[in-house]
Amino acid sequence: MIKQIPEIYEILKYVGLVIGAITLWFKDAIAMKFGIKKNNKDLEKSSLNNLQQNMDLYQELVDDLDARYKARIERLQQEFDESFGKLQNELNELREVNRKLNSIIEKQKKTIQKYVEKYGELI
């Protein structure tokens, strides 16, 4: 009987390997029996739902930010156009004043030239 013990261990070793192989072969069925697959599927579904909610929130934030910046840019463009228009009007007024002053200067030069011709140079 003592001589049979190593043979029994050898047989148990092969039986264990066969049971392990069968377990691996039917691992999905075994996992379903214990509810492991279902929990993994539920966890995966929950993770995907959370990811989708996060993506939706991110998209909403991006859209809101985009709308805010577009509104801000439009407001700045309006302010710029108004300021530019005012500056353009002031520039046109200053050009007109400059033209009038140049005209007055030319008249004064002519008047001074007449007095110089008539009375001579004043020193």
N, C-alpha and C. Protein backbone atom coordinates (compact mmCIF):
# COMPACT_ATOMS: atom_id res chain seq x y z
N MET A 1 0.81 -1.18 0.00
CA MET A 1 0.00 0.00 0.00
C MET A 1 0.87 1.26 0.00
N ILE A 2 1.96 1.27 0.73
CA ILE A 2 2.86 2.39 0.77
C ILE A 2 3.46 2.62 -0.60
N LYS A 3 3.67 1.58 -1.36
CA LYS A 3 4.21 1.70 -2.70
C LYS A 3 3.20 2.35 -3.64
N GLN A 4 1.92 2.29 -3.34
CA GLN A 4 0.88 2.85 -4.21
C GLN A 4 0.67 4.36 -3.98
N ILE A 5 1.16 4.91 -2.90
CA ILE A 5 0.96 6.32 -2.57
C ILE A 5 1.55 7.23 -3.65
N PRO A 6 2.77 7.01 -4.14
CA PRO A 6 3.27 7.87 -5.21
C PRO A 6 2.42 7.76 -6.48
N GLU A 7 1.88 6.58 -6.75
CA GLU A 7 1.03 6.42 -7.92
C GLU A 7 -0.28 7.19 -7.74
N ILE A 8 -0.80 7.19 -6.53
CA ILE A 8 -2.06 7.93 -6.25
C ILE A 8 -1.82 9.43 -6.43
N TYR A 9 -0.69 9.92 -5.94
CA TYR A 9 -0.36 11.34 -6.14
C TYR A 9 -0.23 11.68 -7.62
N GLU A 10 0.36 10.78 -8.36
CA GLU A 10 0.52 11.00 -9.80
C GLU A 10 -0.85 11.06 -10.48
N ILE A 11 -1.74 10.16 -10.09
CA ILE A 11 -3.10 10.15 -10.66
C ILE A 11 -3.85 11.41 -10.25
N LEU A 12 -3.73 11.81 -8.98
CA LEU A 12 -4.41 13.04 -8.50
C LEU A 12 -3.89 14.28 -9.24
N LYS A 13 -2.60 14.27 -9.55
CA LYS A 13 -2.02 15.39 -10.29
C LYS A 13 -2.68 15.52 -11.66
N TYR A 14 -2.84 14.43 -12.36
CA TYR A 14 -3.47 14.46 -13.69
C TYR A 14 -4.95 14.80 -13.59
N VAL A 15 -5.63 14.26 -12.57
CA VAL A 15 -7.05 14.56 -12.36
C VAL A 15 -7.22 16.07 -12.10
N GLY A 16 -6.32 16.65 -11.29
CA GLY A 16 -6.36 18.10 -11.02
C GLY A 16 -6.17 18.91 -12.28
N LEU A 17 -5.23 18.49 -13.13
CA LEU A 17 -5.00 19.21 -14.39
C LEU A 17 -6.22 19.12 -15.29
N VAL A 18 -6.88 17.95 -15.34
CA VAL A 18 -8.08 17.78 -16.17
C VAL A 18 -9.20 18.66 -15.63
N ILE A 19 -9.39 18.69 -14.32
CA ILE A 19 -10.44 19.53 -13.72
C ILE A 19 -10.15 21.01 -13.99
N GLY A 20 -8.90 21.40 -13.88
CA GLY A 20 -8.51 22.79 -14.18
C GLY A 20 -8.79 23.14 -15.63
N ALA A 21 -8.48 22.22 -16.55
CA ALA A 21 -8.73 22.47 -17.97
C ALA A 21 -10.22 22.60 -18.24
N ILE A 22 -11.02 21.73 -17.63
CA ILE A 22 -12.48 21.79 -17.82
C ILE A 22 -13.01 23.10 -17.25
N THR A 23 -12.51 23.52 -16.11
CA THR A 23 -12.94 24.78 -15.49
C THR A 23 -12.62 25.96 -16.41
N LEU A 24 -11.43 25.97 -16.97
CA LEU A 24 -11.07 27.05 -17.91
C LEU A 24 -11.94 27.01 -19.16
N TRP A 25 -12.23 25.83 -19.63
CA TRP A 25 -13.05 25.69 -20.83
C TRP A 25 -14.46 26.25 -20.61
N PHE A 26 -15.01 26.00 -19.46
CA PHE A 26 -16.38 26.45 -19.16
C PHE A 26 -16.40 27.62 -18.18
N LYS A 27 -15.38 28.45 -18.20
CA LYS A 27 -15.28 29.54 -17.23
C LYS A 27 -16.43 30.53 -17.34
N ASP A 28 -16.91 30.82 -18.56
CA ASP A 28 -18.03 31.75 -18.72
C ASP A 28 -19.30 31.20 -18.09
N ALA A 29 -19.56 29.92 -18.30
CA ALA A 29 -20.74 29.30 -17.71
C ALA A 29 -20.63 29.28 -16.19
N ILE A 30 -19.47 29.00 -15.69
CA ILE A 30 -19.26 28.97 -14.24
C ILE A 30 -19.40 30.38 -13.67
N ALA A 31 -18.84 31.35 -14.36
CA ALA A 31 -18.92 32.74 -13.90
C ALA A 31 -20.37 33.20 -13.87
N MET A 32 -21.15 32.81 -14.86
CA MET A 32 -22.57 33.18 -14.88
C MET A 32 -23.31 32.55 -13.71
N LYS A 33 -22.95 31.35 -13.38
CA LYS A 33 -23.59 30.67 -12.25
C LYS A 33 -23.35 31.45 -10.97
N PHE A 34 -22.19 31.98 -10.81
CA PHE A 34 -21.87 32.72 -9.59
C PHE A 34 -22.22 34.20 -9.70
N GLY A 35 -22.70 34.66 -10.83
CA GLY A 35 -23.11 36.05 -11.00
C GLY A 35 -21.96 36.99 -11.28
N ILE A 36 -20.79 36.47 -11.52
CA ILE A 36 -19.63 37.33 -11.75
C ILE A 36 -19.77 38.07 -13.06
N LYS A 37 -20.19 37.39 -14.11
CA LYS A 37 -20.33 38.03 -15.41
C LYS A 37 -21.36 39.15 -15.35
N LYS A 38 -22.48 38.88 -14.68
CA LYS A 38 -23.54 39.89 -14.62
C LYS A 38 -23.04 41.14 -13.91
N ASN A 39 -22.33 40.96 -12.82
CA ASN A 39 -21.80 42.11 -12.10
C ASN A 39 -20.81 42.88 -12.96
N ASN A 40 -19.98 42.15 -13.69
CA ASN A 40 -19.03 42.83 -14.58
C ASN A 40 -19.76 43.61 -15.68
N LYS A 41 -20.81 43.01 -16.23
CA LYS A 41 -21.59 43.69 -17.28
C LYS A 41 -22.27 44.93 -16.71
N ASP A 42 -22.86 44.79 -15.50
CA ASP A 42 -23.52 45.94 -14.88
C ASP A 42 -22.51 47.04 -14.58
N LEU A 43 -21.35 46.64 -14.10
CA LEU A 43 -20.30 47.62 -13.82
C LEU A 43 -19.84 48.31 -15.10
N GLU A 44 -19.68 47.54 -16.16
CA GLU A 44 -19.27 48.11 -17.45
C GLU A 44 -20.34 49.06 -17.98
N LYS A 45 -21.61 48.66 -17.87
CA LYS A 45 -22.71 49.50 -18.32
C LYS A 45 -22.77 50.78 -17.50
N SER A 46 -22.60 50.67 -16.20
CA SER A 46 -22.59 51.84 -15.33
C SER A 46 -21.44 52.77 -15.69
N SER A 47 -20.28 52.20 -15.95
CA SER A 47 -19.12 53.02 -16.33
C SER A 47 -19.37 53.74 -17.65
N LEU A 48 -19.97 53.04 -18.60
CA LEU A 48 -20.28 53.68 -19.89
C LEU A 48 -21.31 54.78 -19.72
N ASN A 49 -22.30 54.56 -18.86
CA ASN A 49 -23.30 55.61 -18.60
C ASN A 49 -22.64 56.84 -17.98
N ASN A 50 -21.76 56.60 -17.01
CA ASN A 50 -21.05 57.72 -16.38
C ASN A 50 -20.18 58.46 -17.40
N LEU A 51 -19.52 57.70 -18.24
CA LEU A 51 -18.69 58.32 -19.27
C LEU A 51 -19.55 59.16 -20.22
N GLN A 52 -20.70 58.63 -20.62
CA GLN A 52 -21.60 59.37 -21.51
C GLN A 52 -22.11 60.64 -20.84
N GLN A 53 -22.45 60.55 -19.56
CA GLN A 53 -22.92 61.73 -18.83
C GLN A 53 -21.82 62.77 -18.74
N ASN A 54 -20.61 62.31 -18.47
CA ASN A 54 -19.48 63.25 -18.41
C ASN A 54 -19.23 63.90 -19.76
N MET A 55 -19.32 63.11 -20.82
CA MET A 55 -19.12 63.67 -22.16
C MET A 55 -20.23 64.67 -22.50
N ASP A 56 -21.47 64.37 -22.13
CA ASP A 56 -22.58 65.30 -22.37
C ASP A 56 -22.37 66.60 -21.59
N LEU A 57 -21.94 66.48 -20.34
CA LEU A 57 -21.67 67.66 -19.52
C LEU A 57 -20.54 68.48 -20.13
N TYR A 58 -19.49 67.81 -20.56
CA TYR A 58 -18.36 68.49 -21.19
C TYR A 58 -18.81 69.21 -22.47
N GLN A 59 -19.62 68.54 -23.27
CA GLN A 59 -20.10 69.16 -24.51
C GLN A 59 -20.97 70.38 -24.19
N GLU A 60 -21.79 70.28 -23.16
CA GLU A 60 -22.62 71.41 -22.76
C GLU A 60 -21.76 72.58 -22.30
N LEU A 61 -20.70 72.28 -21.54
CA LEU A 61 -19.78 73.34 -21.11
C LEU A 61 -19.08 73.98 -22.29
N VAL A 62 -18.65 73.17 -23.23
CA VAL A 62 -17.96 73.71 -24.41
C VAL A 62 -18.91 74.58 -25.23
N ASP A 63 -20.15 74.11 -25.42
CA ASP A 63 -21.12 74.89 -26.17
C ASP A 63 -21.43 76.21 -25.47
N ASP A 64 -21.57 76.17 -24.14
CA ASP A 64 -21.85 77.38 -23.37
C ASP A 64 -20.68 78.35 -23.47
N LEU A 65 -19.47 77.82 -23.34
CA LEU A 65 -18.28 78.66 -23.44
C LEU A 65 -18.18 79.27 -24.83
N ASP A 66 -18.47 78.48 -25.85
CA ASP A 66 -18.44 78.97 -27.22
C ASP A 66 -19.45 80.10 -27.41
N ALA A 67 -20.66 79.92 -26.90
CA ALA A 67 -21.70 80.95 -27.03
C ALA A 67 -21.29 82.22 -26.29
N ARG A 68 -20.71 82.06 -25.10
CA ARG A 68 -20.28 83.25 -24.33
C ARG A 68 -19.19 84.01 -25.07
N TYR A 69 -18.21 83.29 -25.60
CA TYR A 69 -17.13 83.98 -26.30
C TYR A 69 -17.62 84.63 -27.59
N LYS A 70 -18.53 83.98 -28.29
CA LYS A 70 -19.08 84.61 -29.50
C LYS A 70 -19.83 85.89 -29.15
N ALA A 71 -20.63 85.86 -28.08
CA ALA A 71 -21.35 87.06 -27.65
C ALA A 71 -20.37 88.15 -27.23
N ARG A 72 -19.33 87.76 -26.51
CA ARG A 72 -18.33 88.74 -26.07
C ARG A 72 -17.59 89.34 -27.27
N ILE A 73 -17.25 88.51 -28.22
CA ILE A 73 -16.55 89.00 -29.42
C ILE A 73 -17.46 89.96 -30.20
N GLU A 74 -18.74 89.61 -30.33
CA GLU A 74 -19.66 90.50 -31.04
C GLU A 74 -19.79 91.84 -30.32
N ARG A 75 -19.86 91.80 -28.97
CA ARG A 75 -19.97 93.04 -28.20
C ARG A 75 -18.70 93.88 -28.37
N LEU A 76 -17.55 93.23 -28.31
CA LEU A 76 -16.29 93.95 -28.50
C LEU A 76 -16.19 94.53 -29.91
N GLN A 77 -16.69 93.78 -30.90
CA GLN A 77 -16.68 94.27 -32.28
C GLN A 77 -17.56 95.51 -32.41
N GLN A 78 -18.73 95.48 -31.75
CA GLN A 78 -19.62 96.65 -31.79
C GLN A 78 -18.95 97.85 -31.13
N GLU A 79 -18.35 97.62 -29.96
CA GLU A 79 -17.67 98.72 -29.27
C GLU A 79 -16.53 99.26 -30.12
N PHE A 80 -15.79 98.37 -30.76
CA PHE A 80 -14.70 98.80 -31.62
C PHE A 80 -15.23 99.62 -32.79
N ASP A 81 -16.30 99.13 -33.43
CA ASP A 81 -16.87 99.87 -34.56
C ASP A 81 -17.36 101.25 -34.14
N GLU A 82 -18.01 101.33 -32.96
CA GLU A 82 -18.48 102.63 -32.47
C GLU A 82 -17.31 103.57 -32.21
N SER A 83 -16.29 103.06 -31.53
CA SER A 83 -15.10 103.87 -31.22
C SER A 83 -14.40 104.30 -32.51
N PHE A 84 -14.29 103.38 -33.45
CA PHE A 84 -13.64 103.70 -34.71
C PHE A 84 -14.44 104.78 -35.46
N GLY A 85 -15.75 104.66 -35.44
CA GLY A 85 -16.59 105.67 -36.08
C GLY A 85 -16.42 107.04 -35.45
N LYS A 86 -16.39 107.07 -34.11
CA LYS A 86 -16.18 108.35 -33.41
C LYS A 86 -14.82 108.94 -33.76
N LEU A 87 -13.79 108.09 -33.74
CA LEU A 87 -12.46 108.58 -34.08
C LEU A 87 -12.39 109.07 -35.53
N GLN A 88 -13.06 108.38 -36.42
CA GLN A 88 -13.09 108.79 -37.83
C GLN A 88 -13.76 110.16 -37.96
N ASN A 89 -14.88 110.36 -37.23
CA ASN A 89 -15.57 111.65 -37.27
C ASN A 89 -14.69 112.76 -36.70
N GLU A 90 -14.01 112.48 -35.58
CA GLU A 90 -13.12 113.48 -34.98
C GLU A 90 -11.97 113.80 -35.93
N LEU A 91 -11.44 112.77 -36.59
CA LEU A 91 -10.36 113.00 -37.55
C LEU A 91 -10.84 113.88 -38.70
N ASN A 92 -12.02 113.61 -39.20
CA ASN A 92 -12.57 114.44 -40.28
C ASN A 92 -12.78 115.88 -39.82
N GLU A 93 -13.25 116.06 -38.58
CA GLU A 93 -13.43 117.42 -38.03
C GLU A 93 -12.08 118.12 -37.90
N LEU A 94 -11.07 117.40 -37.42
CA LEU A 94 -9.74 117.99 -37.28
C LEU A 94 -9.13 118.33 -38.64
N ARG A 95 -9.38 117.50 -39.63
CA ARG A 95 -8.90 117.82 -40.98
C ARG A 95 -9.55 119.10 -41.50
N GLU A 96 -10.84 119.24 -41.22
CA GLU A 96 -11.55 120.44 -41.65
C GLU A 96 -11.01 121.68 -40.93
N VAL A 97 -10.77 121.55 -39.62
CA VAL A 97 -10.18 122.66 -38.86
C VAL A 97 -8.80 122.98 -39.40
N ASN A 98 -8.01 121.98 -39.69
CA ASN A 98 -6.67 122.17 -40.24
C ASN A 98 -6.74 122.88 -41.60
N ARG A 99 -7.69 122.46 -42.43
CA ARG A 99 -7.86 123.10 -43.74
C ARG A 99 -8.21 124.58 -43.57
N LYS A 100 -9.12 124.86 -42.62
CA LYS A 100 -9.51 126.26 -42.37
C LYS A 100 -8.34 127.07 -41.85
N LEU A 101 -7.57 126.47 -40.91
CA LEU A 101 -6.41 127.17 -40.37
C LEU A 101 -5.37 127.43 -41.46
N ASN A 102 -5.14 126.45 -42.32
CA ASN A 102 -4.21 126.66 -43.44
C ASN A 102 -4.70 127.79 -44.35
N SER A 103 -5.99 127.84 -44.57
CA SER A 103 -6.57 128.91 -45.40
C SER A 103 -6.35 130.27 -44.73
N ILE A 104 -6.58 130.32 -43.42
CA ILE A 104 -6.38 131.58 -42.68
C ILE A 104 -4.90 131.98 -42.71
N ILE A 105 -4.02 130.99 -42.55
CA ILE A 105 -2.57 131.27 -42.58
C ILE A 105 -2.18 131.82 -43.94
N GLU A 106 -2.69 131.23 -45.01
CA GLU A 106 -2.37 131.71 -46.35
C GLU A 106 -2.86 133.14 -46.54
N LYS A 107 -4.07 133.44 -46.04
CA LYS A 107 -4.59 134.82 -46.15
C LYS A 107 -3.72 135.79 -45.36
N GLN A 108 -3.30 135.34 -44.16
CA GLN A 108 -2.45 136.20 -43.33
C GLN A 108 -1.09 136.41 -43.99
N LYS A 109 -0.55 135.37 -44.65
CA LYS A 109 0.72 135.52 -45.35
C LYS A 109 0.60 136.57 -46.45
N LYS A 110 -0.52 136.51 -47.18
CA LYS A 110 -0.74 137.47 -48.26
C LYS A 110 -0.88 138.88 -47.70
N THR A 111 -1.60 138.98 -46.58
CA THR A 111 -1.78 140.29 -45.97
C THR A 111 -0.43 140.83 -45.48
N ILE A 112 0.35 140.00 -44.84
CA ILE A 112 1.68 140.41 -44.36
C ILE A 112 2.56 140.80 -45.54
N GLN A 113 2.48 140.05 -46.63
CA GLN A 113 3.29 140.35 -47.81
C GLN A 113 2.91 141.72 -48.38
N LYS A 114 1.63 142.05 -48.38
CA LYS A 114 1.19 143.36 -48.86
C LYS A 114 1.76 144.47 -47.99
N TYR A 115 1.71 144.27 -46.66
CA TYR A 115 2.25 145.29 -45.75
C TYR A 115 3.75 145.42 -45.89
N VAL A 116 4.43 144.28 -46.12
CA VAL A 116 5.88 144.33 -46.31
C VAL A 116 6.19 145.09 -47.59
N GLU A 117 5.44 144.85 -48.64
CA GLU A 117 5.68 145.56 -49.90
C GLU A 117 5.37 147.04 -49.77
N LYS A 118 4.33 147.34 -48.98
CA LYS A 118 3.90 148.72 -48.85
C LYS A 118 4.78 149.49 -47.86
N TYR A 119 5.10 148.89 -46.68
CA TYR A 119 5.82 149.61 -45.62
C TYR A 119 7.24 149.12 -45.42
N GLY A 120 7.61 148.06 -46.02
CA GLY A 120 8.95 147.53 -45.81
C GLY A 120 8.98 146.49 -44.70
N GLU A 121 10.14 145.92 -44.53
CA GLU A 121 10.32 144.85 -43.53
C GLU A 121 10.33 145.46 -42.13
N LEU A 122 9.61 144.85 -41.21
CA LEU A 122 9.58 145.29 -39.82
C LEU A 122 10.56 144.45 -39.02
N ILE A 123 11.43 145.17 -38.30
CA ILE A 123 12.38 144.45 -37.45
C ILE A 123 12.36 145.01 -36.07
